[in-house]
Amino acid sequence: MRIDPFALELADPLVTAAGTIDAREGFTVTYRHRGERGVGEATPLPGWTESLEACREALDRAAAAADEDASDSDGSGHGPALLELDAAETPAARHGFATALLDADARADGVPLYRWFDADAGTVSSVPVNATVGDASVEATVEAAEEAVDAGFEALKCKVGARSVAEDARRLRAVREAVGEGVELRADANAAYDRETAREALEAFASADVSYVEQPLSADDLAGHRELREAAVDVALDESLVEHDPQTVFDADAADVLILKPMVLGGPDSAHALATRARERGIEPVVTTTIDGLIARTAAVHVAAAIPDVRACGLATADRLAVDLGPDPCPVADGTIPVPQPPGLGREVTL
C-alpha cells in the first residue's frame, strides 16, 4: 500500500467548530488488488473525523497488516488491513483504503463503481446537485440564488441561523419569489436553534415552501428532532451522524432526510449501505462531501448514482478548493454532475 500526503489550498478559509483551516490535508492511498491498481483518498476534518495524525497512524497500521501480494493475485490479502481501520474511530483512514479497494474491485469486474454497488442498475449518466447560498442580506441572498438558478441548479441550500428567524424567513420568501416554484429550497441551520426557536423557524420557513431544514438542533438532541418532525417542513440530520451511530438515529425516529458524508462514515461502501438502510425506513438519503479532493468527490458521485432517483446532492464543492489533486473528472454542468462510466472510479482519476 502506498500512502502519499497532500495539502490542497482552499479558495476561502473554512470555519469549523475545531477552528479555521486554510487547506485540506490528507493522504492518497494506492493499493493493488485483483490485478488492478485502486486509488483512494483520506482527508480528515477535525470535529467530523479523526485528526490528520491519527489518520496517518491508522493507514500505517493497515499498510503493515495488508498482504498486497495475496490481494493482488487472488484478492485475499486485504482483510487484516480493513480490521485495522475502525469506521467509528478513524473514518477518514478507512475511507482512503476502502475507496482504493472498491476502485480496484470495480475495475477488475469491468464496471463503474456505482454499478458495482448495484449490478442490476442501469446506466446513470448524471446526478443532480444543489448550490449553496451563504448567509447574507436579503438582496445578496436573492442575487446568489438567481445566479445559481441561471447556472442550471434546481435545488438551493440556504444557510440560516446567524440571523433572527424573522429575517431568515424574509430571505427565504424573497428567494422563493425570485426563483419560482420549480426550484427546491433547503435551509441549513448548523445546529443554531434551541427547541422553541427551531419550531418557530420551521413554521416560518414553511411559507417559503422549504423542503427541509438541516440540523436545526444540536447533534445530541435526537428527541427534539423527533418532535420537530411534526412541523410542515422536514428535518434532515447531518452532524447527528457523528454524535450517534446510525441505528440510534433510526431508533429515535428523528429524521426525514439523512445527509451522508462518505468521508465521515468510513467509506463509499459504508455510505451506500446506510443509504439503503435509510430508504428501507422511508428516510431520504442525500450524499455530500467534507470539501474533499477529486478522488473522494468522485467516489461520492458514484455513491449518489447508486441510489435510485436520488435527490439533489451536496457534491458541487470543487470550487471550494484553490488547487486539486488533478483534473476534475466530474465537473458541474447545468446543476448536475456527470457520472464516470469507465470501470472503477473512472479511468480519468489518475495520480
Protein backbone atom coordinates (compact mmCIF):
# COMPACT_ATOMS: atom_id res chain seq x y z
CA MET A 1 0.00 0.00 0.00
CA ARG A 2 1.34 3.42 -0.96
CA ILE A 3 0.40 6.41 1.20
CA ASP A 4 1.23 9.91 -0.05
CA PRO A 5 0.45 13.13 1.84
CA PHE A 6 -1.07 16.18 0.19
CA ALA A 7 -2.30 19.66 1.10
CA LEU A 8 -4.93 21.42 -1.02
CA GLU A 9 -5.24 25.16 -0.50
CA LEU A 10 -8.82 26.33 -0.04
CA ALA A 11 -10.29 29.10 -2.14
CA ASP A 12 -11.50 30.68 1.11
CA PRO A 13 -10.77 29.72 4.73
CA LEU A 14 -13.14 27.15 6.23
CA VAL A 15 -14.50 27.91 9.69
CA THR A 16 -15.25 24.77 11.71
CA ALA A 17 -16.02 24.05 15.35
CA ALA A 18 -12.38 23.00 15.71
CA GLY A 19 -11.04 26.26 14.24
CA THR A 20 -10.33 27.88 10.88
CA ILE A 21 -8.41 25.94 8.24
CA ASP A 22 -6.77 27.24 5.07
CA ALA A 23 -6.08 23.91 3.37
CA ARG A 24 -7.47 20.38 3.23
CA GLU A 25 -4.72 17.99 4.22
CA GLY A 26 -4.82 14.26 3.75
CA PHE A 27 -3.39 11.24 2.01
CA THR A 28 -3.84 9.44 -1.27
CA VAL A 29 -3.86 5.66 -0.98
CA THR A 30 -2.79 3.33 -3.77
CA TYR A 31 -3.36 -0.41 -3.45
CA ARG A 32 -3.07 -3.36 -5.81
CA HIS A 33 -5.97 -5.81 -5.63
CA ARG A 34 -7.16 -8.48 -8.07
CA GLY A 35 -4.62 -7.37 -10.65
CA GLU A 36 -5.73 -3.73 -10.62
CA ARG A 37 -4.36 -0.59 -9.02
CA GLY A 38 -7.01 1.19 -6.97
CA VAL A 39 -6.76 4.73 -5.66
CA GLY A 40 -8.35 6.25 -2.58
CA GLU A 41 -8.32 9.43 -0.53
CA ALA A 42 -8.25 10.01 3.21
CA THR A 43 -8.93 13.66 4.04
CA PRO A 44 -9.74 14.01 7.74
CA LEU A 45 -11.63 17.00 9.09
CA PRO A 46 -11.25 17.53 12.86
CA GLY A 47 -14.62 17.76 14.54
CA TRP A 48 -16.05 15.37 11.96
CA THR A 49 -13.38 12.65 11.74
CA GLU A 50 -10.09 11.76 13.37
CA SER A 51 -7.09 14.10 13.28
CA LEU A 52 -4.53 14.11 10.48
CA GLU A 53 -2.00 12.41 12.76
CA ALA A 54 -4.45 9.68 13.82
CA CYS A 55 -5.40 9.15 10.18
CA ARG A 56 -1.77 8.59 9.16
CA GLU A 57 -1.14 6.25 12.07
CA ALA A 58 -4.20 4.16 11.15
CA LEU A 59 -3.16 3.97 7.50
CA ASP A 60 0.35 2.90 8.52
CA ARG A 61 -1.12 0.11 10.67
CA ALA A 62 -3.30 -1.01 7.78
CA ALA A 63 -0.35 -0.99 5.39
CA ALA A 64 1.66 -3.14 7.79
CA ALA A 65 -1.22 -5.61 8.12
CA ALA A 66 -2.07 -5.88 4.43
CA ASP A 67 -0.73 -8.71 2.29
CA GLU A 68 -0.73 -6.82 -1.01
CA ASP A 69 0.83 -9.71 -2.95
CA ALA A 70 -2.02 -12.02 -1.95
CA SER A 71 -4.58 -9.28 -2.54
CA ASP A 72 -3.16 -8.60 -6.00
CA SER A 73 -3.11 -12.25 -7.04
CA ASP A 74 -6.31 -13.67 -5.60
CA GLY A 75 -8.00 -10.85 -3.64
CA SER A 76 -7.40 -12.47 -0.25
CA GLY A 77 -4.92 -10.17 1.48
CA HIS A 78 -6.93 -7.06 2.34
CA GLY A 79 -8.93 -8.36 5.30
CA PRO A 80 -6.31 -7.71 8.00
CA ALA A 81 -5.87 -4.15 6.74
CA LEU A 82 -9.59 -3.43 6.97
CA LEU A 83 -9.64 -4.80 10.51
CA GLU A 84 -7.12 -2.12 11.48
CA LEU A 85 -9.49 0.63 10.30
CA ASP A 86 -12.48 1.33 12.53
CA ALA A 87 -15.13 3.39 10.74
CA ALA A 88 -16.18 4.93 14.05
CA GLU A 89 -12.68 5.80 15.30
CA THR A 90 -10.76 6.56 12.09
CA PRO A 91 -13.39 7.04 9.36
CA ALA A 92 -11.18 9.07 7.01
CA ALA A 93 -8.43 6.46 7.08
CA ARG A 94 -10.92 3.69 6.38
CA HIS A 95 -12.41 5.81 3.58
CA GLY A 96 -8.99 6.05 1.95
CA PHE A 97 -8.27 2.33 1.95
CA ALA A 98 -11.86 1.26 1.25
CA THR A 99 -12.06 3.56 -1.78
CA ALA A 100 -8.83 2.15 -3.22
CA LEU A 101 -10.12 -1.37 -2.64
CA LEU A 102 -13.51 -0.62 -4.21
CA ASP A 103 -11.88 1.09 -7.18
CA ALA A 104 -9.75 -1.99 -7.82
CA ASP A 105 -12.69 -4.37 -7.35
CA ALA A 106 -14.89 -2.47 -9.80
CA ARG A 107 -12.02 -2.22 -12.31
CA ALA A 108 -11.43 -5.97 -12.03
CA ASP A 109 -15.13 -6.59 -12.66
CA GLY A 110 -15.17 -4.14 -15.58
CA VAL A 111 -17.94 -1.90 -14.23
CA PRO A 112 -18.15 1.68 -12.95
CA LEU A 113 -18.24 1.80 -9.18
CA TYR A 114 -21.91 2.77 -8.95
CA ARG A 115 -22.85 -0.37 -10.90
CA TRP A 116 -20.55 -2.45 -8.71
CA PHE A 117 -22.73 -1.37 -5.78
CA ASP A 118 -25.86 -2.45 -7.68
CA ALA A 119 -25.28 -4.93 -10.50
CA ASP A 120 -28.89 -4.52 -11.67
CA ALA A 121 -28.67 -0.76 -12.02
CA GLY A 122 -28.98 0.74 -15.45
CA THR A 123 -26.74 3.47 -16.77
CA VAL A 124 -26.87 6.66 -14.73
CA SER A 125 -25.36 9.49 -16.75
CA SER A 126 -25.53 12.22 -14.11
CA VAL A 127 -26.71 13.10 -10.62
CA PRO A 128 -28.45 16.35 -9.61
CA VAL A 129 -26.62 18.63 -7.19
CA ASN A 130 -27.59 21.63 -5.10
CA ALA A 131 -25.99 25.05 -4.91
CA THR A 132 -25.20 26.55 -1.52
CA VAL A 133 -26.29 30.12 -0.78
CA GLY A 134 -24.45 31.60 2.18
CA ASP A 135 -25.72 33.88 4.93
CA ALA A 136 -26.20 37.40 3.57
CA SER A 137 -28.68 40.24 3.31
CA VAL A 138 -31.99 39.68 1.55
CA GLU A 139 -30.70 41.36 -1.60
CA ALA A 140 -27.40 39.46 -1.69
CA THR A 141 -29.15 36.17 -0.94
CA VAL A 142 -31.57 36.67 -3.82
CA GLU A 143 -28.74 37.63 -6.17
CA ALA A 144 -26.77 34.48 -5.29
CA ALA A 145 -29.88 32.32 -5.67
CA GLU A 146 -30.70 33.78 -9.08
CA GLU A 147 -27.13 33.24 -10.27
CA ALA A 148 -27.31 29.59 -9.21
CA VAL A 149 -30.63 29.02 -10.96
CA ASP A 150 -29.30 30.73 -14.09
CA ALA A 151 -26.40 28.25 -13.95
CA GLY A 152 -28.87 25.36 -14.06
CA PHE A 153 -29.28 24.43 -10.40
CA GLU A 154 -32.76 23.24 -9.45
CA ALA A 155 -32.05 22.90 -5.72
CA LEU A 156 -30.68 25.58 -3.39
CA LYS A 157 -29.41 25.16 0.16
CA CYS A 158 -29.58 28.44 2.06
CA LYS A 159 -27.59 28.97 5.23
CA VAL A 160 -29.75 30.14 8.14
CA GLY A 161 -29.39 30.59 11.89
CA ALA A 162 -26.96 33.50 12.06
CA ARG A 163 -29.88 35.96 11.96
CA SER A 164 -33.28 36.13 13.59
CA VAL A 165 -35.91 33.67 12.43
CA ALA A 166 -37.95 36.55 11.03
CA GLU A 167 -35.05 37.84 8.94
CA ASP A 168 -34.13 34.38 7.65
CA ALA A 169 -37.78 33.81 6.76
CA ARG A 170 -37.77 37.06 4.77
CA ARG A 171 -34.64 35.92 2.95
CA LEU A 172 -36.20 32.59 2.06
CA ARG A 173 -39.50 34.10 0.94
CA ALA A 174 -37.60 36.58 -1.24
CA VAL A 175 -35.67 33.74 -2.83
CA ARG A 176 -38.87 31.79 -3.43
CA GLU A 177 -40.46 34.78 -5.10
CA ALA A 178 -37.37 35.31 -7.26
CA VAL A 179 -36.78 31.72 -8.42
CA GLY A 180 -40.36 30.47 -8.65
CA GLU A 181 -41.99 27.24 -7.58
CA GLY A 182 -39.87 24.85 -9.66
CA VAL A 183 -36.73 25.18 -7.54
CA GLU A 184 -36.30 23.18 -4.34
CA LEU A 185 -35.30 25.30 -1.34
CA ARG A 186 -33.50 23.82 1.63
CA ALA A 187 -32.21 25.51 4.78
CA ASP A 188 -29.11 24.57 6.76
CA ALA A 189 -29.16 25.75 10.38
CA ASN A 190 -25.95 24.04 11.56
CA ALA A 191 -27.49 23.38 15.00
CA ALA A 192 -28.17 27.08 15.61
CA TYR A 193 -31.52 26.72 17.40
CA ASP A 194 -32.98 25.60 20.68
CA ARG A 195 -36.21 23.62 20.50
CA GLU A 196 -38.58 26.57 20.78
CA THR A 197 -36.74 28.65 18.19
CA ALA A 198 -36.44 25.68 15.86
CA ARG A 199 -40.18 25.10 15.89
CA GLU A 200 -40.73 28.79 15.20
CA ALA A 201 -38.24 28.61 12.32
CA LEU A 202 -39.80 25.56 10.68
CA GLU A 203 -43.25 27.12 10.86
CA ALA A 204 -41.94 30.38 9.39
CA PHE A 205 -39.92 28.67 6.65
CA ALA A 206 -42.95 26.69 5.52
CA SER A 207 -44.28 29.91 3.99
CA ALA A 208 -41.35 29.77 1.53
CA ASP A 209 -42.05 26.12 0.74
CA VAL A 210 -38.74 24.98 2.22
CA SER A 211 -38.45 21.22 1.76
CA TYR A 212 -36.27 20.53 4.80
CA VAL A 213 -34.15 22.18 7.46
CA GLU A 214 -30.78 20.57 8.03
CA GLN A 215 -29.63 20.03 11.62
CA PRO A 216 -31.87 22.60 13.35
CA LEU A 217 -30.86 21.43 16.86
CA SER A 218 -27.65 20.24 18.48
CA ALA A 219 -26.33 16.92 17.28
CA ASP A 220 -27.14 15.11 20.52
CA ASP A 221 -30.81 16.16 20.69
CA LEU A 222 -32.50 13.32 18.83
CA ALA A 223 -35.67 13.61 20.92
CA GLY A 224 -36.00 17.26 19.98
CA HIS A 225 -35.57 16.48 16.30
CA ARG A 226 -38.23 13.79 16.55
CA GLU A 227 -40.67 16.36 17.97
CA LEU A 228 -39.83 18.80 15.17
CA ARG A 229 -40.90 16.23 12.58
CA GLU A 230 -44.49 17.19 13.42
CA ALA A 231 -43.91 20.53 11.64
CA ALA A 232 -44.73 21.22 7.99
CA VAL A 233 -41.04 21.25 6.99
CA ASP A 234 -38.99 18.05 7.03
CA VAL A 235 -35.99 17.53 9.30
CA ALA A 236 -32.58 16.48 7.96
CA LEU A 237 -29.76 15.24 10.18
CA ASP A 238 -26.07 15.70 9.42
CA GLU A 239 -23.89 16.30 12.49
CA SER A 240 -26.05 13.85 14.45
CA LEU A 241 -24.47 11.02 12.46
CA VAL A 242 -21.13 11.97 14.02
CA GLU A 243 -22.60 12.08 17.53
CA HIS A 244 -24.66 8.87 17.21
CA ASP A 245 -24.40 5.59 15.38
CA PRO A 246 -26.96 5.20 12.56
CA GLN A 247 -29.07 2.63 14.39
CA THR A 248 -29.57 5.02 17.29
CA VAL A 249 -30.75 7.68 14.84
CA PHE A 250 -33.13 5.20 13.22
CA ASP A 251 -34.48 4.03 16.58
CA ALA A 252 -35.09 7.64 17.63
CA ASP A 253 -37.26 8.24 14.53
CA ALA A 254 -35.57 11.65 14.38
CA ALA A 255 -35.13 12.35 10.66
CA ASP A 256 -36.94 12.59 7.35
CA VAL A 257 -33.63 13.04 5.50
CA LEU A 258 -30.08 11.91 6.26
CA ILE A 259 -27.05 13.83 4.98
CA LEU A 260 -24.40 11.23 4.18
CA LYS A 261 -20.73 12.21 4.05
CA PRO A 262 -18.71 9.15 2.96
CA MET A 263 -15.50 10.55 4.50
CA VAL A 264 -17.26 10.81 7.87
CA LEU A 265 -18.98 7.44 7.60
CA GLY A 266 -15.85 5.43 6.83
CA GLY A 267 -16.05 4.97 3.08
CA PRO A 268 -18.25 4.83 -0.01
CA ASP A 269 -19.35 1.32 0.95
CA SER A 270 -20.50 2.47 4.39
CA ALA A 271 -22.35 5.44 2.90
CA HIS A 272 -24.10 3.30 0.29
CA ALA A 273 -25.12 0.73 2.89
CA LEU A 274 -26.53 3.47 5.11
CA ALA A 275 -28.42 4.98 2.17
CA THR A 276 -30.02 1.59 1.53
CA ARG A 277 -30.97 1.19 5.19
CA ALA A 278 -32.42 4.70 5.26
CA ARG A 279 -34.57 4.10 2.17
CA GLU A 280 -35.92 0.90 3.72
CA ARG A 281 -37.18 3.06 6.61
CA GLY A 282 -38.68 5.77 4.43
CA ILE A 283 -35.83 8.21 5.05
CA GLU A 284 -34.32 10.02 2.08
CA PRO A 285 -30.51 9.96 1.70
CA VAL A 286 -28.59 12.96 0.36
CA VAL A 287 -24.89 12.49 -0.36
CA THR A 288 -22.40 15.30 0.24
CA THR A 289 -18.70 15.84 0.94
CA THR A 290 -16.42 17.41 3.53
CA ILE A 291 -14.79 19.59 0.85
CA ASP A 292 -12.63 16.71 -0.32
CA GLY A 293 -10.21 16.26 -3.18
CA LEU A 294 -11.28 14.88 -6.53
CA ILE A 295 -10.83 11.19 -5.64
CA ALA A 296 -13.22 11.33 -2.69
CA ARG A 297 -15.64 13.60 -4.58
CA THR A 298 -15.72 11.16 -7.49
CA ALA A 299 -16.36 8.27 -5.11
CA ALA A 300 -19.23 10.24 -3.56
CA VAL A 301 -20.69 10.83 -7.03
CA HIS A 302 -20.71 7.05 -7.55
CA VAL A 303 -22.46 6.56 -4.20
CA ALA A 304 -25.14 9.06 -5.23
CA ALA A 305 -25.51 7.43 -8.65
CA ALA A 306 -26.12 4.06 -6.97
CA ILE A 307 -29.17 5.46 -5.13
CA PRO A 308 -32.26 5.24 -7.37
CA ASP A 309 -33.93 8.59 -8.01
CA VAL A 310 -31.55 10.34 -5.64
CA ARG A 311 -32.42 13.88 -4.62
CA ALA A 312 -30.04 16.73 -5.41
CA CYS A 313 -26.82 16.09 -3.51
CA GLY A 314 -24.21 18.38 -2.00
CA LEU A 315 -21.40 17.40 -4.36
CA ALA A 316 -20.72 20.72 -6.09
CA THR A 317 -17.80 21.53 -3.81
CA ALA A 318 -14.79 21.52 -6.16
CA ASP A 319 -14.83 25.31 -6.34
CA ARG A 320 -14.10 25.46 -2.61
CA LEU A 321 -10.56 24.32 -3.43
CA ALA A 322 -7.95 26.63 -4.95
CA VAL A 323 -5.99 23.57 -6.14
CA ASP A 324 -6.93 19.91 -6.51
CA LEU A 325 -5.27 16.53 -6.93
CA GLY A 326 -5.68 16.69 -10.71
CA PRO A 327 -8.21 17.45 -13.45
CA ASP A 328 -11.79 17.04 -12.23
CA PRO A 329 -13.50 14.06 -13.93
CA CYS A 330 -16.89 15.20 -12.61
CA PRO A 331 -17.31 18.93 -13.36
CA VAL A 332 -20.64 20.54 -12.54
CA ALA A 333 -22.77 21.44 -15.56
CA ASP A 334 -26.34 22.75 -15.54
CA GLY A 335 -26.92 21.73 -11.94
CA THR A 336 -25.77 18.15 -12.46
CA ILE A 337 -22.53 16.19 -12.20
CA PRO A 338 -21.66 13.60 -14.87
CA VAL A 339 -21.04 10.08 -13.60
CA PRO A 340 -17.83 8.50 -14.97
CA GLN A 341 -18.67 5.35 -16.93
CA PRO A 342 -15.26 3.59 -17.23
CA PRO A 343 -14.56 0.80 -14.73
CA GLY A 344 -13.90 1.74 -11.12
CA LEU A 345 -13.90 5.39 -10.17
CA GLY A 346 -13.17 6.19 -13.81
CA ARG A 347 -10.01 5.98 -15.87
CA GLU A 348 -9.71 9.75 -15.71
CA VAL A 349 -8.90 9.55 -11.99
CA THR A 350 -5.14 9.21 -12.02
CA LEU A 351 -2.26 10.10 -9.71
